[in-house]
């Protein structure tokens, strides 16, 4: 499933910068901890929200994470 992982604002829980886009069957759940490395940037994040959208038979998932 196409998955987009976004950084979240720590105070309002609103979507901020797109960190990574990937295609994975992994089932993300709230409080999962991930290590994301893109280029020279590494960070540890925690999942705070998972949103699945189905449009015209296609599934897409948005994950909001907080840096920890």
C-alpha atoms as a PDB file:
ATOM      1  CA  UNK A   1       0.000   0.000   0.000  1.00  0.00           C
ATOM      2  CA  UNK A   2       1.266   3.461  -0.810  1.00  0.00           C
ATOM      3  CA  UNK A   3       2.302   5.054   2.471  1.00  0.00           C
ATOM      4  CA  UNK A   4       3.267   8.665   3.113  1.00  0.00           C
ATOM      5  CA  UNK A   5       4.915   9.507   6.433  1.00  0.00           C
ATOM      6  CA  UNK A   6       4.597  13.115   7.585  1.00  0.00           C
ATOM      7  CA  UNK A   7       6.153  14.953  10.483  1.00  0.00           C
ATOM      8  CA  UNK A   8       3.510  16.338  12.815  1.00  0.00           C
ATOM      9  CA  UNK A   9       3.416  19.631  14.657  1.00  0.00           C
ATOM     10  CA  UNK A  10       3.966  18.679  18.324  1.00  0.00           C
ATOM     11  CA  UNK A  11       1.330  21.089  19.644  1.00  0.00           C
ATOM     12  CA  UNK A  12      -1.497  20.924  17.090  1.00  0.00           C
ATOM     13  CA  UNK A  13      -0.954  17.434  15.568  1.00  0.00           C
ATOM     14  CA  UNK A  14      -1.260  18.953  12.097  1.00  0.00           C
ATOM     15  CA  UNK A  15       0.561  17.528   9.107  1.00  0.00           C
ATOM     16  CA  UNK A  16       3.881  19.224   8.357  1.00  0.00           C
ATOM     17  CA  UNK A  17       6.761  18.075   6.122  1.00  0.00           C
ATOM     18  CA  UNK A  18       6.636  14.861   4.093  1.00  0.00           C
ATOM     19  CA  UNK A  19       9.468  12.662   5.388  1.00  0.00           C
ATOM     20  CA  UNK A  20       9.219   9.623   3.126  1.00  0.00           C
ATOM     21  CA  UNK A  21       6.909   7.855   0.670  1.00  0.00           C
ATOM     22  CA  UNK A  22       7.031   4.088   0.358  1.00  0.00           C
ATOM     23  CA  UNK A  23       5.022   1.078  -0.787  1.00  0.00           C
ATOM     24  CA  UNK A  24       4.668  -1.440   2.042  1.00  0.00           C
ATOM     25  CA  UNK A  25       2.151  -3.969   3.399  1.00  0.00           C
ATOM     26  CA  UNK A  26       3.340  -3.279   6.987  1.00  0.00           C
ATOM     27  CA  UNK A  27       0.510  -2.501   9.392  1.00  0.00           C
ATOM     28  CA  UNK A  28       1.464   0.700  11.190  1.00  0.00           C
ATOM     29  CA  UNK A  29      -0.110   1.253  14.590  1.00  0.00           C
ATOM     30  CA  UNK A  30      -0.167   4.126  17.022  1.00  0.00           C
ATOM     31  CA  UNK A  31       2.948   4.235  19.242  1.00  0.00           C
ATOM     32  CA  UNK A  32       5.111   2.285  16.773  1.00  0.00           C
ATOM     33  CA  UNK A  33       8.654   3.667  16.846  1.00  0.00           C
ATOM     34  CA  UNK A  34      10.519   4.030  13.556  1.00  0.00           C
ATOM     35  CA  UNK A  35      14.008   5.043  12.508  1.00  0.00           C
ATOM     36  CA  UNK A  36      13.935   7.078   9.291  1.00  0.00           C
ATOM     37  CA  UNK A  37      17.141   7.783   7.374  1.00  0.00           C
ATOM     38  CA  UNK A  38      16.985   9.893   4.218  1.00  0.00           C
ATOM     39  CA  UNK A  39      20.190  11.256   2.751  1.00  0.00           C
ATOM     40  CA  UNK A  40      22.262  12.615   5.642  1.00  0.00           C
ATOM     41  CA  UNK A  41      19.242  13.014   7.937  1.00  0.00           C
ATOM     42  CA  UNK A  42      18.414  10.360  10.571  1.00  0.00           C
ATOM     43  CA  UNK A  43      15.615  10.527  13.103  1.00  0.00           C
ATOM     44  CA  UNK A  44      13.641   8.411  15.512  1.00  0.00           C
ATOM     45  CA  UNK A  45       9.882   8.994  15.418  1.00  0.00           C
ATOM     46  CA  UNK A  46       6.699   7.690  17.024  1.00  0.00           C
ATOM     47  CA  UNK A  47       3.447   7.106  15.119  1.00  0.00           C
ATOM     48  CA  UNK A  48       0.615   9.244  16.490  1.00  0.00           C
ATOM     49  CA  UNK A  49      -2.030   8.858  13.759  1.00  0.00           C
ATOM     50  CA  UNK A  50      -2.794   6.472  10.891  1.00  0.00           C
ATOM     51  CA  UNK A  51      -5.274   7.480   8.181  1.00  0.00           C
ATOM     52  CA  UNK A  52      -6.341   5.158   5.352  1.00  0.00           C
ATOM     53  CA  UNK A  53      -8.075   6.622   2.305  1.00  0.00           C
ATOM     54  CA  UNK A  54      -9.857   4.549  -0.351  1.00  0.00           C
ATOM     55  CA  UNK A  55     -10.562   6.316  -3.642  1.00  0.00           C
ATOM     56  CA  UNK A  56     -11.740   4.577  -6.817  1.00  0.00           C
ATOM     57  CA  UNK A  57     -10.593   1.196  -5.487  1.00  0.00           C
ATOM     58  CA  UNK A  58      -7.092   2.443  -4.596  1.00  0.00           C
ATOM     59  CA  UNK A  59      -5.841   2.491  -1.006  1.00  0.00           C
ATOM     60  CA  UNK A  60      -3.503   5.155   0.322  1.00  0.00           C
ATOM     61  CA  UNK A  61      -2.235   5.647   3.857  1.00  0.00           C
ATOM     62  CA  UNK A  62      -0.990   8.742   5.692  1.00  0.00           C
ATOM     63  CA  UNK A  63       1.054   8.356   8.866  1.00  0.00           C
ATOM     64  CA  UNK A  64       1.666  11.275  11.240  1.00  0.00           C
ATOM     65  CA  UNK A  65       4.762  10.983  13.423  1.00  0.00           C
ATOM     66  CA  UNK A  66       6.477  12.969  16.172  1.00  0.00           C
ATOM     67  CA  UNK A  67      10.235  13.187  16.612  1.00  0.00           C
ATOM     68  CA  UNK A  68      11.435  11.585  19.830  1.00  0.00           C
END
